[in-house]
Amino acid sequence: MAEERRCCLASPLGPLLLAEDGTGMTRVRLLHAALEDGEESPLLREAAAQLRAYFAGRLRVFDLPLHPAGTPFQLRVWEVLRGIPYGETRSYKETALLAGSPRGFRAVGMANHNNPLLILIPCHRVIAADGSLRGFACGLDCKRLLLRLERENLQKSIVKSV
């Protein structure tokens, strides 16, 4: 197994840790302080460029190899999350159904909480059945910001195309 490489990216959420293991991205998470050291790689530079484009409203779908560590159930849930279109949301229940576990909406919540690839695996797009925001490892303010960013960028693109 290759040694993990990591770097830090400034974002509207705060500093993000980006990490990869030579086969794909392994972690994107919010930091409380900027990372002092790190060794960039071509993949980390590309991930940073794609995240910058996402935050600027120019990218809706990430094209990066991902290599998250998780249980088979978590991996299924994270794959379902990757299928939620930019600017849209799904309920925990809908996500559980798509992951093949119709009564597993609480387990979906835990898989979301343990998502190692913030934004790249868009767990922020999963909301409660009543439309309210529930749980997010980085806090509801971050979830709200990401959902608002996507919604506003979709509205801008609609206005431009009219």
N, C-alpha and C. Protein backbone atom coordinates (compact mmCIF):
# COMPACT_ATOMS: atom_id res chain seq x y z
N MET A 1 0.84 -1.17 0.00
CA MET A 1 0.00 0.00 0.00
C MET A 1 0.89 1.24 0.00
N ALA A 2 0.55 2.20 -0.84
CA ALA A 2 1.31 3.44 -0.93
C ALA A 2 1.06 4.30 0.31
N GLU A 3 2.03 5.12 0.61
CA GLU A 3 1.89 6.03 1.74
C GLU A 3 0.88 7.11 1.39
N GLU A 4 0.12 7.52 2.37
CA GLU A 4 -0.88 8.55 2.15
C GLU A 4 -0.22 9.91 1.95
N ARG A 5 -0.70 10.64 0.96
CA ARG A 5 -0.28 12.02 0.73
C ARG A 5 -1.45 12.92 1.09
N ARG A 6 -1.14 14.10 1.57
CA ARG A 6 -2.22 15.00 1.99
C ARG A 6 -1.81 16.44 1.77
N CYS A 7 -2.83 17.27 1.67
CA CYS A 7 -2.61 18.71 1.57
C CYS A 7 -3.83 19.41 2.14
N CYS A 8 -3.76 20.70 2.23
CA CYS A 8 -4.84 21.50 2.79
C CYS A 8 -5.36 22.45 1.71
N LEU A 9 -6.66 22.65 1.68
CA LEU A 9 -7.30 23.54 0.73
C LEU A 9 -8.19 24.51 1.49
N ALA A 10 -8.02 25.80 1.24
CA ALA A 10 -8.92 26.80 1.82
C ALA A 10 -10.25 26.68 1.09
N SER A 11 -11.34 26.75 1.85
CA SER A 11 -12.68 26.65 1.26
C SER A 11 -13.64 27.56 2.02
N PRO A 12 -14.83 27.78 1.47
CA PRO A 12 -15.83 28.57 2.20
C PRO A 12 -16.25 27.94 3.53
N LEU A 13 -16.01 26.64 3.68
CA LEU A 13 -16.33 25.95 4.93
C LEU A 13 -15.24 26.11 5.98
N GLY A 14 -14.03 26.43 5.52
CA GLY A 14 -12.84 26.44 6.35
C GLY A 14 -11.81 25.55 5.69
N PRO A 15 -10.67 25.34 6.33
CA PRO A 15 -9.64 24.51 5.70
C PRO A 15 -10.09 23.05 5.57
N LEU A 16 -9.83 22.49 4.40
CA LEU A 16 -10.17 21.09 4.14
C LEU A 16 -8.89 20.28 4.00
N LEU A 17 -8.86 19.13 4.65
CA LEU A 17 -7.78 18.17 4.48
C LEU A 17 -8.13 17.30 3.29
N LEU A 18 -7.22 17.17 2.32
CA LEU A 18 -7.39 16.27 1.19
C LEU A 18 -6.32 15.20 1.32
N ALA A 19 -6.69 13.94 1.17
CA ALA A 19 -5.71 12.85 1.28
C ALA A 19 -5.98 11.80 0.21
N GLU A 20 -4.90 11.18 -0.27
CA GLU A 20 -5.00 10.10 -1.25
C GLU A 20 -3.94 9.06 -0.96
N ASP A 21 -4.18 7.84 -1.46
CA ASP A 21 -3.28 6.73 -1.15
C ASP A 21 -2.57 6.14 -2.35
N GLY A 22 -2.57 6.85 -3.47
CA GLY A 22 -1.94 6.33 -4.68
C GLY A 22 -2.94 5.67 -5.62
N THR A 23 -4.09 5.23 -5.09
CA THR A 23 -5.12 4.64 -5.95
C THR A 23 -6.35 5.54 -6.06
N GLY A 24 -6.52 6.41 -5.10
CA GLY A 24 -7.68 7.30 -5.13
C GLY A 24 -7.73 8.17 -3.89
N MET A 25 -8.69 9.06 -3.89
CA MET A 25 -8.90 9.95 -2.75
C MET A 25 -9.41 9.12 -1.57
N THR A 26 -8.83 9.35 -0.40
CA THR A 26 -9.23 8.60 0.79
C THR A 26 -9.95 9.46 1.82
N ARG A 27 -9.63 10.76 1.83
CA ARG A 27 -10.27 11.62 2.83
C ARG A 27 -10.40 13.05 2.30
N VAL A 28 -11.53 13.65 2.61
CA VAL A 28 -11.73 15.09 2.53
C VAL A 28 -12.51 15.41 3.79
N ARG A 29 -11.91 16.22 4.65
CA ARG A 29 -12.63 16.55 5.88
C ARG A 29 -12.27 17.97 6.31
N LEU A 30 -13.15 18.54 7.07
CA LEU A 30 -12.97 19.88 7.58
C LEU A 30 -11.98 19.86 8.73
N LEU A 31 -11.06 20.81 8.70
CA LEU A 31 -10.07 20.94 9.76
C LEU A 31 -10.41 22.13 10.64
N HIS A 32 -9.95 22.11 11.86
CA HIS A 32 -10.14 23.25 12.76
C HIS A 32 -9.04 24.28 12.56
N ALA A 33 -7.94 23.86 11.98
CA ALA A 33 -6.81 24.76 11.68
C ALA A 33 -6.14 24.24 10.41
N ALA A 34 -5.49 25.11 9.70
CA ALA A 34 -4.83 24.71 8.46
C ALA A 34 -3.72 23.70 8.75
N LEU A 35 -3.53 22.82 7.82
CA LEU A 35 -2.50 21.80 7.90
C LEU A 35 -1.15 22.44 7.62
N GLU A 36 -0.18 22.19 8.47
CA GLU A 36 1.14 22.78 8.31
C GLU A 36 1.96 22.10 7.23
N ASP A 37 2.02 20.78 7.28
CA ASP A 37 2.85 20.06 6.33
C ASP A 37 1.98 19.19 5.45
N GLY A 38 2.52 18.78 4.36
CA GLY A 38 1.81 17.92 3.45
C GLY A 38 2.64 17.75 2.20
N GLU A 39 2.35 16.69 1.49
CA GLU A 39 3.07 16.41 0.26
C GLU A 39 2.04 16.31 -0.86
N GLU A 40 2.05 17.28 -1.75
CA GLU A 40 1.09 17.27 -2.84
C GLU A 40 1.44 16.19 -3.85
N SER A 41 0.44 15.82 -4.62
CA SER A 41 0.61 14.85 -5.70
C SER A 41 -0.26 15.35 -6.85
N PRO A 42 -0.09 14.79 -8.03
CA PRO A 42 -0.97 15.19 -9.13
C PRO A 42 -2.46 15.00 -8.80
N LEU A 43 -2.78 13.90 -8.12
CA LEU A 43 -4.18 13.66 -7.76
C LEU A 43 -4.68 14.71 -6.77
N LEU A 44 -3.89 15.06 -5.79
CA LEU A 44 -4.30 16.09 -4.83
C LEU A 44 -4.47 17.45 -5.52
N ARG A 45 -3.57 17.77 -6.45
CA ARG A 45 -3.71 19.03 -7.19
C ARG A 45 -5.00 19.04 -8.00
N GLU A 46 -5.32 17.89 -8.63
CA GLU A 46 -6.56 17.80 -9.40
C GLU A 46 -7.78 17.88 -8.48
N ALA A 47 -7.73 17.21 -7.34
CA ALA A 47 -8.85 17.27 -6.38
C ALA A 47 -9.05 18.71 -5.90
N ALA A 48 -7.97 19.39 -5.59
CA ALA A 48 -8.08 20.79 -5.15
C ALA A 48 -8.67 21.66 -6.26
N ALA A 49 -8.23 21.45 -7.50
CA ALA A 49 -8.77 22.23 -8.62
C ALA A 49 -10.26 21.96 -8.80
N GLN A 50 -10.67 20.70 -8.69
CA GLN A 50 -12.09 20.38 -8.85
C GLN A 50 -12.92 20.94 -7.71
N LEU A 51 -12.40 20.89 -6.49
CA LEU A 51 -13.14 21.46 -5.36
C LEU A 51 -13.25 22.97 -5.50
N ARG A 52 -12.19 23.64 -5.94
CA ARG A 52 -12.27 25.09 -6.18
C ARG A 52 -13.35 25.40 -7.22
N ALA A 53 -13.37 24.62 -8.30
CA ALA A 53 -14.37 24.82 -9.35
C ALA A 53 -15.78 24.56 -8.81
N TYR A 54 -15.92 23.56 -7.95
CA TYR A 54 -17.22 23.27 -7.32
C TYR A 54 -17.67 24.48 -6.49
N PHE A 55 -16.81 24.99 -5.64
CA PHE A 55 -17.17 26.12 -4.79
C PHE A 55 -17.46 27.38 -5.62
N ALA A 56 -16.83 27.51 -6.79
CA ALA A 56 -17.06 28.65 -7.67
C ALA A 56 -18.29 28.47 -8.55
N GLY A 57 -18.94 27.30 -8.47
CA GLY A 57 -20.14 27.05 -9.25
C GLY A 57 -19.87 26.58 -10.67
N ARG A 58 -18.65 26.19 -10.97
CA ARG A 58 -18.29 25.75 -12.32
C ARG A 58 -18.23 24.23 -12.48
N LEU A 59 -18.40 23.48 -11.42
CA LEU A 59 -18.30 22.01 -11.48
C LEU A 59 -19.44 21.40 -10.68
N ARG A 60 -20.11 20.44 -11.29
CA ARG A 60 -21.23 19.78 -10.62
C ARG A 60 -20.98 18.30 -10.35
N VAL A 61 -20.09 17.69 -11.13
CA VAL A 61 -19.79 16.27 -10.97
C VAL A 61 -18.28 16.11 -10.88
N PHE A 62 -17.82 15.47 -9.83
CA PHE A 62 -16.39 15.24 -9.64
C PHE A 62 -15.93 14.05 -10.48
N ASP A 63 -14.76 14.19 -11.04
CA ASP A 63 -14.16 13.12 -11.85
C ASP A 63 -12.81 12.77 -11.22
N LEU A 64 -12.89 12.07 -10.11
CA LEU A 64 -11.70 11.69 -9.36
C LEU A 64 -11.81 10.23 -8.94
N PRO A 65 -10.72 9.50 -8.93
CA PRO A 65 -10.79 8.15 -8.36
C PRO A 65 -10.96 8.25 -6.85
N LEU A 66 -11.91 7.50 -6.32
CA LEU A 66 -12.16 7.52 -4.88
C LEU A 66 -11.80 6.16 -4.30
N HIS A 67 -11.26 6.18 -3.10
CA HIS A 67 -10.88 4.94 -2.43
C HIS A 67 -11.21 5.05 -0.94
N PRO A 68 -12.52 5.20 -0.62
CA PRO A 68 -12.90 5.32 0.79
C PRO A 68 -12.84 3.97 1.48
N ALA A 69 -12.46 3.97 2.74
CA ALA A 69 -12.47 2.76 3.55
C ALA A 69 -13.79 2.71 4.31
N GLY A 70 -14.48 1.58 4.21
CA GLY A 70 -15.75 1.44 4.91
C GLY A 70 -16.26 0.01 4.84
N THR A 71 -17.35 -0.24 5.53
CA THR A 71 -17.99 -1.55 5.50
C THR A 71 -18.70 -1.71 4.16
N PRO A 72 -19.07 -2.93 3.79
CA PRO A 72 -19.82 -3.11 2.54
C PRO A 72 -21.10 -2.25 2.51
N PHE A 73 -21.81 -2.15 3.63
CA PHE A 73 -23.02 -1.32 3.67
C PHE A 73 -22.67 0.15 3.45
N GLN A 74 -21.65 0.65 4.14
CA GLN A 74 -21.25 2.05 3.96
C GLN A 74 -20.88 2.32 2.50
N LEU A 75 -20.13 1.42 1.90
CA LEU A 75 -19.73 1.60 0.50
C LEU A 75 -20.95 1.66 -0.42
N ARG A 76 -21.97 0.82 -0.14
CA ARG A 76 -23.21 0.85 -0.93
C ARG A 76 -23.90 2.20 -0.76
N VAL A 77 -24.01 2.66 0.48
CA VAL A 77 -24.67 3.95 0.74
C VAL A 77 -23.90 5.07 0.04
N TRP A 78 -22.58 5.07 0.17
CA TRP A 78 -21.79 6.14 -0.44
C TRP A 78 -21.93 6.13 -1.95
N GLU A 79 -22.09 4.96 -2.54
CA GLU A 79 -22.30 4.89 -4.00
C GLU A 79 -23.66 5.48 -4.35
N VAL A 80 -24.68 5.21 -3.55
CA VAL A 80 -26.00 5.81 -3.76
C VAL A 80 -25.90 7.33 -3.66
N LEU A 81 -25.16 7.82 -2.67
CA LEU A 81 -25.01 9.27 -2.50
C LEU A 81 -24.38 9.91 -3.73
N ARG A 82 -23.43 9.23 -4.31
CA ARG A 82 -22.77 9.77 -5.51
C ARG A 82 -23.74 9.91 -6.67
N GLY A 83 -24.85 9.19 -6.61
CA GLY A 83 -25.86 9.27 -7.66
C GLY A 83 -26.89 10.37 -7.46
N ILE A 84 -26.86 11.07 -6.33
CA ILE A 84 -27.80 12.17 -6.10
C ILE A 84 -27.31 13.37 -6.92
N PRO A 85 -28.13 13.83 -7.86
CA PRO A 85 -27.68 14.94 -8.71
C PRO A 85 -27.41 16.23 -7.92
N TYR A 86 -26.48 16.99 -8.45
CA TYR A 86 -26.12 18.31 -7.93
C TYR A 86 -27.39 19.14 -7.73
N GLY A 87 -27.51 19.76 -6.58
CA GLY A 87 -28.64 20.63 -6.31
C GLY A 87 -29.91 19.92 -5.88
N GLU A 88 -29.89 18.59 -5.84
CA GLU A 88 -31.07 17.84 -5.41
C GLU A 88 -30.79 17.20 -4.06
N THR A 89 -31.86 16.76 -3.41
CA THR A 89 -31.72 16.07 -2.13
C THR A 89 -32.55 14.78 -2.17
N ARG A 90 -32.22 13.89 -1.25
CA ARG A 90 -32.98 12.66 -1.04
C ARG A 90 -33.14 12.51 0.46
N SER A 91 -34.19 11.83 0.86
CA SER A 91 -34.41 11.57 2.28
C SER A 91 -33.55 10.38 2.71
N TYR A 92 -33.39 10.26 4.00
CA TYR A 92 -32.68 9.09 4.54
C TYR A 92 -33.40 7.82 4.13
N LYS A 93 -34.73 7.86 4.14
CA LYS A 93 -35.52 6.68 3.78
C LYS A 93 -35.31 6.31 2.31
N GLU A 94 -35.37 7.32 1.42
CA GLU A 94 -35.13 7.06 -0.01
C GLU A 94 -33.73 6.47 -0.22
N THR A 95 -32.78 7.01 0.49
CA THR A 95 -31.40 6.53 0.37
C THR A 95 -31.29 5.09 0.84
N ALA A 96 -31.96 4.77 1.95
CA ALA A 96 -31.94 3.40 2.47
C ALA A 96 -32.55 2.43 1.45
N LEU A 97 -33.66 2.83 0.82
CA LEU A 97 -34.28 1.98 -0.21
C LEU A 97 -33.31 1.73 -1.36
N LEU A 98 -32.66 2.78 -1.83
CA LEU A 98 -31.73 2.65 -2.95
C LEU A 98 -30.50 1.83 -2.57
N ALA A 99 -30.16 1.82 -1.29
CA ALA A 99 -29.01 1.04 -0.82
C ALA A 99 -29.39 -0.41 -0.52
N GLY A 100 -30.66 -0.74 -0.73
CA GLY A 100 -31.10 -2.12 -0.53
C GLY A 100 -31.44 -2.47 0.91
N SER A 101 -31.70 -1.46 1.73
CA SER A 101 -32.02 -1.68 3.13
C SER A 101 -33.21 -0.79 3.51
N PRO A 102 -34.44 -1.17 3.09
CA PRO A 102 -35.60 -0.29 3.24
C PRO A 102 -35.86 0.25 4.64
N ARG A 103 -35.47 -0.49 5.65
CA ARG A 103 -35.70 -0.02 7.02
C ARG A 103 -34.41 0.51 7.65
N GLY A 104 -33.39 0.70 6.86
CA GLY A 104 -32.08 1.08 7.38
C GLY A 104 -31.78 2.56 7.34
N PHE A 105 -32.80 3.41 7.51
CA PHE A 105 -32.53 4.85 7.42
C PHE A 105 -31.62 5.35 8.53
N ARG A 106 -31.67 4.74 9.70
CA ARG A 106 -30.72 5.14 10.77
C ARG A 106 -29.30 4.72 10.42
N ALA A 107 -29.18 3.54 9.82
CA ALA A 107 -27.85 3.08 9.39
C ALA A 107 -27.31 3.97 8.28
N VAL A 108 -28.20 4.48 7.42
CA VAL A 108 -27.79 5.43 6.39
C VAL A 108 -27.26 6.70 7.06
N GLY A 109 -27.92 7.13 8.11
CA GLY A 109 -27.45 8.30 8.86
C GLY A 109 -26.05 8.08 9.41
N MET A 110 -25.79 6.89 9.92
CA MET A 110 -24.45 6.59 10.45
C MET A 110 -23.42 6.51 9.32
N ALA A 111 -23.82 5.94 8.18
CA ALA A 111 -22.90 5.89 7.03
C ALA A 111 -22.57 7.30 6.57
N ASN A 112 -23.58 8.17 6.56
CA ASN A 112 -23.34 9.58 6.20
C ASN A 112 -22.36 10.20 7.18
N HIS A 113 -22.58 9.96 8.44
CA HIS A 113 -21.72 10.55 9.48
C HIS A 113 -20.27 10.09 9.32
N ASN A 114 -20.09 8.86 8.88
CA ASN A 114 -18.75 8.29 8.73
C ASN A 114 -18.16 8.46 7.33
N ASN A 115 -18.82 9.23 6.48
CA ASN A 115 -18.34 9.47 5.13
C ASN A 115 -16.95 10.13 5.20
N PRO A 116 -15.92 9.48 4.67
CA PRO A 116 -14.58 10.05 4.75
C PRO A 116 -14.28 11.08 3.66
N LEU A 117 -15.19 11.22 2.68
CA LEU A 117 -14.92 12.09 1.54
C LEU A 117 -15.98 13.18 1.41
N LEU A 118 -15.96 14.09 2.37
CA LEU A 118 -16.87 15.23 2.39
C LEU A 118 -16.93 15.88 1.00
N ILE A 119 -18.09 16.20 0.55
CA ILE A 119 -18.38 16.86 -0.72
C ILE A 119 -18.21 15.92 -1.90
N LEU A 120 -17.09 15.21 -2.02
CA LEU A 120 -16.90 14.28 -3.14
C LEU A 120 -17.96 13.19 -3.12
N ILE A 121 -18.28 12.71 -1.93
CA ILE A 121 -19.44 11.84 -1.71
C ILE A 121 -20.45 12.74 -1.01
N PRO A 122 -21.46 13.22 -1.73
CA PRO A 122 -22.30 14.32 -1.25
C PRO A 122 -23.34 13.94 -0.18
N CYS A 123 -22.86 13.61 1.00
CA CYS A 123 -23.78 13.26 2.09
C CYS A 123 -24.61 14.46 2.53
N HIS A 124 -24.17 15.67 2.18
CA HIS A 124 -24.94 16.86 2.53
C HIS A 124 -26.28 16.89 1.80
N ARG A 125 -26.44 16.09 0.76
CA ARG A 125 -27.68 16.07 -0.03
C ARG A 125 -28.74 15.15 0.57
N VAL A 126 -28.48 14.56 1.72
CA VAL A 126 -29.46 13.70 2.38
C VAL A 126 -30.09 14.48 3.52
N ILE A 127 -31.42 14.54 3.49
CA ILE A 127 -32.18 15.32 4.46
C ILE A 127 -33.30 14.47 5.05
N ALA A 128 -33.96 15.00 6.06
CA ALA A 128 -35.08 14.29 6.67
C ALA A 128 -36.26 14.25 5.70
N ALA A 129 -37.16 13.29 5.88
CA ALA A 129 -38.32 13.13 5.01
C ALA A 129 -39.20 14.37 4.99
N ASP A 130 -39.22 15.13 6.08
CA ASP A 130 -40.04 16.34 6.13
C ASP A 130 -39.32 17.55 5.53
N GLY A 131 -38.14 17.34 4.96
CA GLY A 131 -37.40 18.42 4.32
C GLY A 131 -36.45 19.17 5.24
N SER A 132 -36.46 18.83 6.52
CA SER A 132 -35.57 19.52 7.45
C SER A 132 -34.17 18.93 7.38
N LEU A 133 -33.22 19.73 7.83
CA LEU A 133 -31.83 19.28 7.86
C LEU A 133 -31.60 18.53 9.15
N ARG A 134 -30.96 17.39 9.03
CA ARG A 134 -30.60 16.58 10.19
C ARG A 134 -29.14 16.21 10.06
N GLY A 135 -28.48 16.09 11.16
CA GLY A 135 -27.12 15.62 11.27
C GLY A 135 -26.20 15.84 10.10
N PHE A 136 -25.02 16.28 10.39
CA PHE A 136 -23.95 16.42 9.41
C PHE A 136 -22.67 16.50 10.21
N ALA A 137 -21.71 15.69 9.85
CA ALA A 137 -20.48 15.60 10.64
C ALA A 137 -19.80 16.96 10.84
N CYS A 138 -19.94 17.85 9.88
CA CYS A 138 -19.32 19.18 9.98
C CYS A 138 -20.25 20.22 10.56
N GLY A 139 -21.46 19.82 10.90
CA GLY A 139 -22.42 20.75 11.47
C GLY A 139 -23.46 21.18 10.44
N LEU A 140 -24.63 21.56 10.93
CA LEU A 140 -25.72 21.94 10.04
C LEU A 140 -25.44 23.22 9.27
N ASP A 141 -24.63 24.13 9.82
CA ASP A 141 -24.28 25.35 9.09
C ASP A 141 -23.53 25.01 7.81
N CYS A 142 -22.63 24.04 7.86
CA CYS A 142 -21.89 23.62 6.66
C CYS A 142 -22.84 22.95 5.67
N LYS A 143 -23.73 22.11 6.16
CA LYS A 143 -24.69 21.43 5.29
C LYS A 143 -25.57 22.47 4.59
N ARG A 144 -26.05 23.43 5.35
CA ARG A 144 -26.89 24.50 4.81
C ARG A 144 -26.13 25.29 3.74
N LEU A 145 -24.86 25.60 4.01
CA LEU A 145 -24.05 26.36 3.06
C LEU A 145 -23.88 25.58 1.75
N LEU A 146 -23.56 24.30 1.83
CA LEU A 146 -23.36 23.49 0.62
C LEU A 146 -24.65 23.37 -0.19
N LEU A 147 -25.77 23.15 0.48
CA LEU A 147 -27.04 23.04 -0.24
C LEU A 147 -27.42 24.37 -0.87
N ARG A 148 -27.21 25.47 -0.16
CA ARG A 148 -27.51 26.80 -0.70
C ARG A 148 -26.60 27.10 -1.90
N LEU A 149 -25.31 26.78 -1.79
CA LEU A 149 -24.37 27.00 -2.88
C LEU A 149 -24.85 26.28 -4.15
N GLU A 150 -25.23 25.02 -4.02
CA GLU A 150 -25.68 24.25 -5.17
C GLU A 150 -26.99 24.81 -5.74
N ARG A 151 -27.92 25.15 -4.87
CA ARG A 151 -29.21 25.69 -5.31
C ARG A 151 -29.00 27.02 -6.05
N GLU A 152 -28.18 27.91 -5.49
CA GLU A 152 -27.93 29.21 -6.11
C GLU A 152 -27.21 29.06 -7.45
N ASN A 153 -26.26 28.14 -7.54
CA ASN A 153 -25.55 27.93 -8.80
C ASN A 153 -26.47 27.35 -9.87
N LEU A 154 -27.40 26.50 -9.48
CA LEU A 154 -28.38 25.99 -10.45
C LEU A 154 -29.27 27.12 -10.95
N GLN A 155 -29.70 27.99 -10.04
CA GLN A 155 -30.54 29.12 -10.44
C GLN A 155 -29.80 30.06 -11.39
N LYS A 156 -28.52 30.29 -11.12
CA LYS A 156 -27.72 31.15 -12.01
C LYS A 156 -27.63 30.54 -13.40
N SER A 157 -27.44 29.21 -13.47
CA SER A 157 -27.30 28.58 -14.79
C SER A 157 -28.63 28.60 -15.55
N ILE A 158 -29.76 28.55 -14.84
CA ILE A 158 -31.06 28.64 -15.49
C ILE A 158 -31.26 30.04 -16.05
N VAL A 159 -30.89 31.05 -15.28
CA VAL A 159 -31.02 32.43 -15.72
C VAL A 159 -30.14 32.68 -16.94
N LYS A 160 -28.92 32.14 -16.95
CA LYS A 160 -28.01 32.32 -18.08
C LYS A 160 -28.54 31.67 -19.34
N SER A 161 -29.24 30.53 -19.20
CA SER A 161 -29.70 29.80 -20.38
C SER A 161 -31.00 30.37 -20.94
N VAL A 162 -31.66 31.26 -20.23
CA VAL A 162 -32.93 31.84 -20.70
C VAL A 162 -32.69 32.97 -21.66
